[in-house]
Amino acid sequence: MRNTFDDDDDLNAWMRVCDRMRNNDRKTILISIMLALVVFTAIFAWVQAVKNSSNSTSVAAAQEESMFEIVEYHITNPSIVIVYHKKTKVMYMMPENGSGATVMVDADGKPLLYEP
């Protein structure tokens, strides 16, 4: 098999060029990953801002038309809302998404009544 390089200097020069190319590839990959993280973070922040603004608007609008009044709002995962029925004053605890409600009771098992 014939060597395509005339001497060791040509081979060393070619190896230096390949090393530079590999270093540039590493830099390009690193910059691409960093840019992707920045874009992902910006999109995530935007989605959270839109979600929070729509939640506050929908909660206020629903409160005006609802038969329930919000007493407390706890930011947890999931967020918990304490409400009371406007006519009966019975208090309920429910997740913010409204997937279910639990009657709040005192030590004797009687429903808690809202007292302003």
N, C-alpha and C. Protein backbone atom coordinates (compact mmCIF):
# COMPACT_ATOMS: atom_id res chain seq x y z
N MET A 1 0.85 -1.17 0.00
CA MET A 1 0.00 0.00 0.00
C MET A 1 0.89 1.24 0.00
N ARG A 2 0.56 2.14 -0.84
CA ARG A 2 1.39 3.32 -1.02
C ARG A 2 0.94 4.45 -0.10
N ASN A 3 1.88 5.12 0.53
CA ASN A 3 1.61 6.26 1.40
C ASN A 3 1.34 7.49 0.53
N THR A 4 0.20 8.18 0.76
CA THR A 4 -0.14 9.34 -0.06
C THR A 4 0.61 10.58 0.38
N PHE A 5 1.22 10.55 1.53
CA PHE A 5 1.98 11.69 2.01
C PHE A 5 3.45 11.48 1.68
N ASP A 6 4.07 12.53 1.16
CA ASP A 6 5.47 12.42 0.74
C ASP A 6 6.42 12.28 1.92
N ASP A 7 6.12 12.97 2.97
CA ASP A 7 7.01 12.86 4.13
C ASP A 7 6.21 13.11 5.41
N ASP A 8 6.89 13.01 6.50
CA ASP A 8 6.23 13.16 7.80
C ASP A 8 5.71 14.58 8.02
N ASP A 9 6.35 15.57 7.41
CA ASP A 9 5.88 16.95 7.58
C ASP A 9 4.49 17.13 6.99
N ASP A 10 4.24 16.52 5.82
CA ASP A 10 2.91 16.61 5.22
C ASP A 10 1.87 15.92 6.10
N LEU A 11 2.24 14.77 6.63
CA LEU A 11 1.33 14.04 7.50
C LEU A 11 1.03 14.84 8.77
N ASN A 12 2.04 15.42 9.39
CA ASN A 12 1.84 16.23 10.59
C ASN A 12 1.00 17.46 10.30
N ALA A 13 1.22 18.08 9.14
CA ALA A 13 0.42 19.24 8.76
C ALA A 13 -1.05 18.85 8.60
N TRP A 14 -1.28 17.72 7.96
CA TRP A 14 -2.65 17.24 7.78
C TRP A 14 -3.30 16.91 9.13
N MET A 15 -2.57 16.33 10.05
CA MET A 15 -3.10 16.02 11.38
C MET A 15 -3.45 17.28 12.16
N ARG A 16 -2.64 18.34 11.99
CA ARG A 16 -2.95 19.61 12.65
C ARG A 16 -4.24 20.21 12.10
N VAL A 17 -4.42 20.12 10.78
CA VAL A 17 -5.65 20.62 10.17
C VAL A 17 -6.85 19.84 10.70
N CYS A 18 -6.73 18.53 10.80
CA CYS A 18 -7.83 17.71 11.33
C CYS A 18 -8.13 18.05 12.79
N ASP A 19 -7.11 18.29 13.59
CA ASP A 19 -7.32 18.67 14.99
C ASP A 19 -8.06 19.99 15.11
N ARG A 20 -7.68 20.96 14.26
CA ARG A 20 -8.37 22.25 14.28
C ARG A 20 -9.84 22.08 13.90
N MET A 21 -10.09 21.23 12.91
CA MET A 21 -11.47 20.99 12.49
C MET A 21 -12.27 20.35 13.62
N ARG A 22 -11.67 19.40 14.33
CA ARG A 22 -12.36 18.77 15.45
C ARG A 22 -12.66 19.78 16.56
N ASN A 23 -11.71 20.65 16.85
CA ASN A 23 -11.92 21.68 17.87
C ASN A 23 -13.04 22.62 17.45
N ASN A 24 -13.08 23.00 16.19
CA ASN A 24 -14.16 23.86 15.71
C ASN A 24 -15.50 23.16 15.80
N ASP A 25 -15.53 21.86 15.50
CA ASP A 25 -16.77 21.11 15.63
C ASP A 25 -17.25 21.09 17.07
N ARG A 26 -16.35 20.91 18.00
CA ARG A 26 -16.72 20.92 19.42
C ARG A 26 -17.28 22.27 19.82
N LYS A 27 -16.65 23.33 19.36
CA LYS A 27 -17.15 24.67 19.67
C LYS A 27 -18.52 24.89 19.07
N THR A 28 -18.72 24.45 17.83
CA THR A 28 -20.01 24.61 17.18
C THR A 28 -21.09 23.84 17.92
N ILE A 29 -20.79 22.63 18.34
CA ILE A 29 -21.77 21.83 19.08
C ILE A 29 -22.09 22.48 20.42
N LEU A 30 -21.07 22.97 21.12
CA LEU A 30 -21.28 23.62 22.40
C LEU A 30 -22.13 24.88 22.24
N ILE A 31 -21.83 25.68 21.23
CA ILE A 31 -22.61 26.90 20.99
C ILE A 31 -24.05 26.54 20.62
N SER A 32 -24.24 25.50 19.84
CA SER A 32 -25.59 25.07 19.46
C SER A 32 -26.39 24.63 20.68
N ILE A 33 -25.75 23.88 21.57
CA ILE A 33 -26.44 23.43 22.79
C ILE A 33 -26.81 24.62 23.66
N MET A 34 -25.89 25.56 23.82
CA MET A 34 -26.18 26.74 24.64
C MET A 34 -27.32 27.55 24.03
N LEU A 35 -27.32 27.72 22.73
CA LEU A 35 -28.38 28.47 22.06
C LEU A 35 -29.72 27.77 22.22
N ALA A 36 -29.72 26.45 22.10
CA ALA A 36 -30.96 25.69 22.28
C ALA A 36 -31.50 25.85 23.71
N LEU A 37 -30.61 25.85 24.70
CA LEU A 37 -31.05 26.05 26.09
C LEU A 37 -31.65 27.44 26.30
N VAL A 38 -31.04 28.45 25.70
CA VAL A 38 -31.56 29.81 25.82
C VAL A 38 -32.94 29.91 25.18
N VAL A 39 -33.10 29.33 23.99
CA VAL A 39 -34.39 29.37 23.30
C VAL A 39 -35.44 28.60 24.11
N PHE A 40 -35.08 27.42 24.62
CA PHE A 40 -36.02 26.64 25.43
C PHE A 40 -36.44 27.41 26.67
N THR A 41 -35.49 28.05 27.35
CA THR A 41 -35.81 28.82 28.55
C THR A 41 -36.74 29.98 28.23
N ALA A 42 -36.49 30.67 27.11
CA ALA A 42 -37.35 31.79 26.72
C ALA A 42 -38.76 31.32 26.40
N ILE A 43 -38.88 30.21 25.70
CA ILE A 43 -40.21 29.68 25.37
C ILE A 43 -40.94 29.24 26.63
N PHE A 44 -40.23 28.56 27.53
CA PHE A 44 -40.83 28.12 28.79
C PHE A 44 -41.33 29.30 29.61
N ALA A 45 -40.52 30.36 29.71
CA ALA A 45 -40.92 31.56 30.46
C ALA A 45 -42.14 32.21 29.83
N TRP A 46 -42.18 32.26 28.51
CA TRP A 46 -43.32 32.86 27.82
C TRP A 46 -44.59 32.06 28.07
N VAL A 47 -44.50 30.73 28.00
CA VAL A 47 -45.67 29.88 28.24
C VAL A 47 -46.17 30.06 29.66
N GLN A 48 -45.27 30.12 30.63
CA GLN A 48 -45.68 30.32 32.03
C GLN A 48 -46.35 31.68 32.22
N ALA A 49 -45.83 32.72 31.56
CA ALA A 49 -46.43 34.05 31.67
C ALA A 49 -47.83 34.07 31.09
N VAL A 50 -48.00 33.43 29.94
CA VAL A 50 -49.33 33.37 29.31
C VAL A 50 -50.28 32.57 30.19
N LYS A 51 -49.79 31.46 30.72
CA LYS A 51 -50.63 30.62 31.59
C LYS A 51 -51.06 31.38 32.83
N ASN A 52 -50.14 32.09 33.48
CA ASN A 52 -50.47 32.84 34.69
C ASN A 52 -51.44 33.97 34.40
N SER A 53 -51.29 34.67 33.29
CA SER A 53 -52.19 35.78 32.98
C SER A 53 -53.59 35.27 32.66
N SER A 54 -53.69 34.13 31.96
CA SER A 54 -55.02 33.60 31.65
C SER A 54 -55.69 33.04 32.89
N ASN A 55 -54.92 32.44 33.82
CA ASN A 55 -55.50 31.92 35.05
C ASN A 55 -56.08 33.03 35.91
N SER A 56 -55.37 34.13 36.05
CA SER A 56 -55.87 35.22 36.90
C SER A 56 -57.12 35.83 36.30
N THR A 57 -57.20 35.94 34.98
CA THR A 57 -58.38 36.49 34.34
C THR A 57 -59.55 35.54 34.49
N SER A 58 -59.33 34.24 34.27
CA SER A 58 -60.42 33.28 34.33
C SER A 58 -60.94 33.12 35.76
N VAL A 59 -60.06 33.18 36.74
CA VAL A 59 -60.49 33.06 38.14
C VAL A 59 -61.37 34.25 38.52
N ALA A 60 -60.98 35.44 38.12
CA ALA A 60 -61.76 36.64 38.46
C ALA A 60 -63.13 36.59 37.78
N ALA A 61 -63.18 36.19 36.51
CA ALA A 61 -64.45 36.13 35.79
C ALA A 61 -65.34 35.04 36.36
N ALA A 62 -64.78 33.89 36.68
CA ALA A 62 -65.57 32.80 37.23
C ALA A 62 -66.10 33.13 38.62
N GLN A 63 -65.34 33.90 39.38
CA GLN A 63 -65.76 34.24 40.74
C GLN A 63 -67.01 35.11 40.71
N GLU A 64 -67.13 36.00 39.73
CA GLU A 64 -68.30 36.87 39.66
C GLU A 64 -69.57 36.09 39.36
N GLU A 65 -69.48 35.07 38.49
CA GLU A 65 -70.65 34.32 38.07
C GLU A 65 -70.91 33.09 38.92
N SER A 66 -69.99 32.71 39.77
CA SER A 66 -70.07 31.46 40.50
C SER A 66 -70.93 31.57 41.74
N MET A 67 -71.36 30.41 42.20
CA MET A 67 -72.07 30.36 43.48
C MET A 67 -71.10 30.22 44.63
N PHE A 68 -69.79 30.19 44.32
CA PHE A 68 -68.75 30.08 45.33
C PHE A 68 -67.94 31.36 45.38
N GLU A 69 -67.40 31.63 46.55
CA GLU A 69 -66.51 32.78 46.77
C GLU A 69 -65.16 32.24 47.24
N ILE A 70 -64.08 32.79 46.68
CA ILE A 70 -62.75 32.35 47.08
C ILE A 70 -62.36 32.98 48.40
N VAL A 71 -61.90 32.12 49.33
CA VAL A 71 -61.46 32.58 50.64
C VAL A 71 -59.94 32.68 50.67
N GLU A 72 -59.27 31.61 50.25
CA GLU A 72 -57.81 31.55 50.26
C GLU A 72 -57.32 30.87 49.00
N TYR A 73 -56.09 31.19 48.64
CA TYR A 73 -55.45 30.58 47.48
C TYR A 73 -54.04 30.18 47.88
N HIS A 74 -53.74 28.88 47.86
CA HIS A 74 -52.43 28.38 48.27
C HIS A 74 -51.66 27.92 47.03
N ILE A 75 -50.48 28.50 46.83
CA ILE A 75 -49.66 28.12 45.69
C ILE A 75 -48.82 26.92 46.09
N THR A 76 -49.29 25.76 45.69
CA THR A 76 -48.57 24.50 45.91
C THR A 76 -48.59 23.75 44.59
N ASN A 77 -48.28 22.49 44.61
CA ASN A 77 -48.36 21.71 43.38
C ASN A 77 -49.26 20.52 43.61
N PRO A 78 -50.50 20.51 43.22
CA PRO A 78 -51.22 21.55 42.48
C PRO A 78 -51.70 22.65 43.43
N SER A 79 -52.00 23.82 42.87
CA SER A 79 -52.48 24.93 43.68
C SER A 79 -53.84 24.58 44.28
N ILE A 80 -54.03 24.98 45.53
CA ILE A 80 -55.26 24.67 46.27
C ILE A 80 -56.05 25.96 46.49
N VAL A 81 -57.36 25.88 46.29
CA VAL A 81 -58.25 27.02 46.50
C VAL A 81 -59.24 26.65 47.61
N ILE A 82 -59.41 27.54 48.57
CA ILE A 82 -60.42 27.38 49.62
C ILE A 82 -61.58 28.30 49.24
N VAL A 83 -62.78 27.72 49.13
CA VAL A 83 -63.96 28.50 48.73
C VAL A 83 -65.09 28.22 49.71
N TYR A 84 -66.12 29.07 49.63
CA TYR A 84 -67.34 28.79 50.38
C TYR A 84 -68.54 29.03 49.47
N HIS A 85 -69.61 28.29 49.73
CA HIS A 85 -70.85 28.43 48.96
C HIS A 85 -71.55 29.70 49.46
N LYS A 86 -71.94 30.56 48.54
CA LYS A 86 -72.47 31.87 48.93
C LYS A 86 -73.75 31.78 49.74
N LYS A 87 -74.60 30.79 49.47
CA LYS A 87 -75.87 30.69 50.20
C LYS A 87 -75.72 29.92 51.52
N THR A 88 -75.04 28.79 51.49
CA THR A 88 -74.97 27.94 52.68
C THR A 88 -73.78 28.26 53.58
N LYS A 89 -72.77 28.96 53.06
CA LYS A 89 -71.53 29.32 53.77
C LYS A 89 -70.65 28.12 54.09
N VAL A 90 -70.95 26.93 53.54
CA VAL A 90 -70.12 25.74 53.75
C VAL A 90 -68.81 25.92 52.97
N MET A 91 -67.68 25.58 53.63
CA MET A 91 -66.37 25.77 53.01
C MET A 91 -65.90 24.48 52.34
N TYR A 92 -65.23 24.66 51.18
CA TYR A 92 -64.70 23.55 50.40
C TYR A 92 -63.24 23.83 50.05
N MET A 93 -62.49 22.74 49.87
CA MET A 93 -61.11 22.84 49.40
C MET A 93 -61.05 22.10 48.07
N MET A 94 -60.41 22.73 47.05
CA MET A 94 -60.32 22.08 45.75
C MET A 94 -59.05 22.49 45.03
N PRO A 95 -58.58 21.64 44.11
CA PRO A 95 -57.44 22.04 43.29
C PRO A 95 -57.87 23.16 42.35
N GLU A 96 -56.91 23.96 41.94
CA GLU A 96 -57.20 25.11 41.08
C GLU A 96 -57.88 24.69 39.77
N ASN A 97 -57.54 23.50 39.26
CA ASN A 97 -58.13 23.07 38.00
C ASN A 97 -59.58 22.65 38.15
N GLY A 98 -60.10 22.62 39.37
CA GLY A 98 -61.51 22.33 39.60
C GLY A 98 -61.88 20.87 39.40
N SER A 99 -60.93 19.96 39.55
CA SER A 99 -61.20 18.55 39.27
C SER A 99 -61.97 17.85 40.39
N GLY A 100 -62.19 18.51 41.50
CA GLY A 100 -62.93 17.90 42.60
C GLY A 100 -62.94 18.83 43.79
N ALA A 101 -63.91 18.64 44.67
CA ALA A 101 -64.01 19.48 45.86
C ALA A 101 -64.16 18.60 47.09
N THR A 102 -63.63 19.06 48.21
CA THR A 102 -63.73 18.34 49.47
C THR A 102 -64.33 19.28 50.50
N VAL A 103 -65.37 18.81 51.18
CA VAL A 103 -65.99 19.60 52.24
C VAL A 103 -65.00 19.68 53.38
N MET A 104 -64.80 20.87 53.92
CA MET A 104 -63.92 21.04 55.07
C MET A 104 -64.77 20.84 56.33
N VAL A 105 -64.25 20.04 57.26
CA VAL A 105 -65.01 19.73 58.47
C VAL A 105 -64.20 20.10 59.71
N ASP A 106 -64.92 20.29 60.82
CA ASP A 106 -64.24 20.58 62.08
C ASP A 106 -63.90 19.27 62.78
N ALA A 107 -63.44 19.34 64.01
CA ALA A 107 -63.00 18.15 64.75
C ALA A 107 -64.15 17.17 65.00
N ASP A 108 -65.38 17.64 65.03
CA ASP A 108 -66.54 16.78 65.26
C ASP A 108 -67.11 16.21 63.97
N GLY A 109 -66.53 16.58 62.83
CA GLY A 109 -67.02 16.08 61.54
C GLY A 109 -68.11 16.92 60.93
N LYS A 110 -68.41 18.07 61.53
CA LYS A 110 -69.43 18.97 60.98
C LYS A 110 -68.78 19.89 59.95
N PRO A 111 -69.52 20.25 58.91
CA PRO A 111 -68.95 21.14 57.90
C PRO A 111 -68.56 22.50 58.49
N LEU A 112 -67.38 22.98 58.04
CA LEU A 112 -66.96 24.33 58.46
C LEU A 112 -67.81 25.35 57.74
N LEU A 113 -68.26 26.37 58.49
CA LEU A 113 -69.05 27.45 57.90
C LEU A 113 -68.18 28.71 57.86
N TYR A 114 -68.27 29.42 56.76
CA TYR A 114 -67.49 30.63 56.58
C TYR A 114 -68.05 31.75 57.45
N GLU A 115 -67.15 32.39 58.18
CA GLU A 115 -67.54 33.55 59.00
C GLU A 115 -66.64 34.70 58.59
N PRO A 116 -67.22 35.72 57.96
CA PRO A 116 -66.40 36.87 57.49
C PRO A 116 -65.78 37.67 58.60
